[in-house]
Protein backbone atom coordinates (compact mmCIF):
# COMPACT_ATOMS: atom_id res chain seq x y z
CA MET A 1 -6.41 15.95 1.74
CA TYR A 2 -7.54 12.82 3.10
CA LYS A 3 -9.39 14.30 6.19
CA GLY A 4 -12.91 12.85 5.98
CA HIS A 5 -12.31 9.88 3.60
CA VAL A 6 -12.42 5.76 4.34
CA LEU A 7 -8.90 4.92 3.73
CA LEU A 8 -7.88 1.18 2.96
CA ILE A 9 -3.95 1.82 3.57
CA VAL A 10 -1.88 -1.26 2.55
CA ASN A 11 1.66 -2.10 1.89
CA VAL A 12 2.15 -3.88 -1.53
CA ALA A 13 5.15 -5.66 -3.25
CA SER A 14 5.60 -6.60 -6.66
CA GLN A 15 7.08 -10.06 -6.28
CA CYS A 16 5.02 -11.55 -3.18
CA GLY A 17 3.24 -15.01 -4.29
CA LEU A 18 -0.14 -13.03 -3.66
CA THR A 19 0.57 -10.03 -5.88
CA ALA A 20 -1.62 -10.78 -9.11
CA SER A 21 -4.50 -11.52 -7.01
CA ASN A 22 -3.97 -8.56 -4.41
CA TYR A 23 -3.85 -6.28 -7.29
CA LYS A 24 -6.76 -7.82 -9.08
CA GLU A 25 -8.61 -6.93 -5.80
CA LEU A 26 -7.67 -3.66 -5.04
CA ASN A 27 -8.13 -2.68 -8.46
CA GLU A 28 -11.54 -3.93 -8.63
CA LEU A 29 -11.97 -2.22 -5.15
CA ASN A 30 -10.87 0.83 -6.54
CA GLU A 31 -13.38 0.87 -9.68
CA ARG A 32 -16.51 -0.15 -7.33
CA PHE A 33 -16.04 2.66 -4.83
CA LYS A 34 -14.11 5.13 -7.16
CA GLU A 35 -17.35 7.19 -7.51
CA ARG A 36 -17.77 7.47 -3.89
CA LYS A 37 -15.50 10.33 -3.58
CA GLN A 38 -14.82 9.46 0.46
CA PHE A 39 -12.84 6.31 0.02
CA LYS A 40 -9.10 5.99 -1.25
CA ILE A 41 -7.19 3.20 -1.57
CA LEU A 42 -3.19 4.27 -0.32
CA ALA A 43 -0.48 1.77 -1.83
CA PHE A 44 2.93 1.85 0.18
CA PRO A 45 5.50 -0.11 -1.49
CA CYS A 46 7.80 -2.10 1.09
CA ASN A 47 11.07 -4.52 0.75
CA GLN A 48 10.76 -5.62 4.49
CA PHE A 49 9.04 -8.85 3.90
CA GLY A 50 11.53 -11.71 2.19
CA GLY A 51 12.69 -8.73 -0.05
CA GLN A 52 9.66 -8.74 -2.56
CA GLU A 53 9.77 -5.28 -3.65
CA PRO A 54 13.76 -4.66 -4.62
CA GLY A 55 12.67 -2.32 -7.10
CA SER A 56 13.63 1.48 -7.54
CA SER A 57 10.58 3.79 -7.70
CA GLU A 58 10.77 3.99 -11.47
CA GLU A 59 10.65 -0.13 -11.67
CA ILE A 60 8.12 -0.05 -9.25
CA MET A 61 5.77 2.64 -11.08
CA CYS A 62 5.95 0.79 -14.42
CA PHE A 63 4.94 -2.39 -12.45
CA MET A 64 1.67 -0.63 -11.24
CA LYS A 65 1.24 0.64 -14.43
CA LYS A 66 1.43 -2.88 -16.25
CA LYS A 67 -0.83 -3.99 -13.28
CA ASN A 68 -3.44 -1.15 -14.36
CA ALA A 69 -3.22 0.40 -10.58
CA GLU A 70 -5.37 3.29 -9.87
CA PHE A 71 -5.25 3.57 -6.83
CA GLU A 72 -2.99 6.00 -5.11
CA THR A 73 0.77 4.65 -4.80
CA PHE A 74 3.65 6.35 -2.62
CA GLU A 75 7.31 5.98 -2.47
CA LYS A 76 8.89 2.89 -1.14
CA VAL A 77 8.81 2.71 2.69
CA GLU A 78 9.50 0.90 5.85
CA VAL A 79 6.76 -0.42 7.80
CA ASN A 80 8.69 -1.99 10.56
CA GLY A 81 11.56 -0.80 12.65
CA GLU A 82 13.21 1.93 13.67
CA ASN A 83 13.16 3.13 10.12
CA ALA A 84 9.57 2.97 9.74
CA HIS A 85 7.71 5.57 8.19
CA PRO A 86 5.55 7.88 10.75
CA LEU A 87 2.42 6.59 9.43
CA TRP A 88 2.87 3.06 9.93
CA LYS A 89 4.12 3.96 13.47
CA TYR A 90 0.98 6.05 14.30
CA LEU A 91 -0.94 3.21 12.61
CA LYS A 92 0.40 0.62 14.35
CA HIS A 93 0.54 2.62 17.79
CA LYS A 94 -3.35 3.04 17.37
CA GLN A 95 -3.87 -0.25 15.90
CA GLY A 96 -2.29 -2.45 19.44
CA GLY A 97 -2.06 -6.01 19.98
CA THR A 98 -0.23 -8.08 17.54
CA LEU A 99 0.32 -5.17 14.49
CA GLY A 100 1.46 -2.80 17.74
CA GLU A 101 4.67 -1.99 19.16
């Protein structure tokens, strides 16, 4: 589904102090590159950073709709620790450095 695409994979939170500017910028990027079918933004809500995404899946999707988020959004996941989503484990393994294991 995503093979051959340039992916911007981000974790997001509705109650982060940077949410307004981050969503604005993600929406602008999505708008700018949506005609280029090989670019996709994949957003993963996460509550591991100061409890900034406490909502249920339904609440998160309502928030995304209010923010006019047209990029792909997935279920809330963990990005760190033993229960981290396999995608985030893979990304951190491949990245190494301060984001790695």
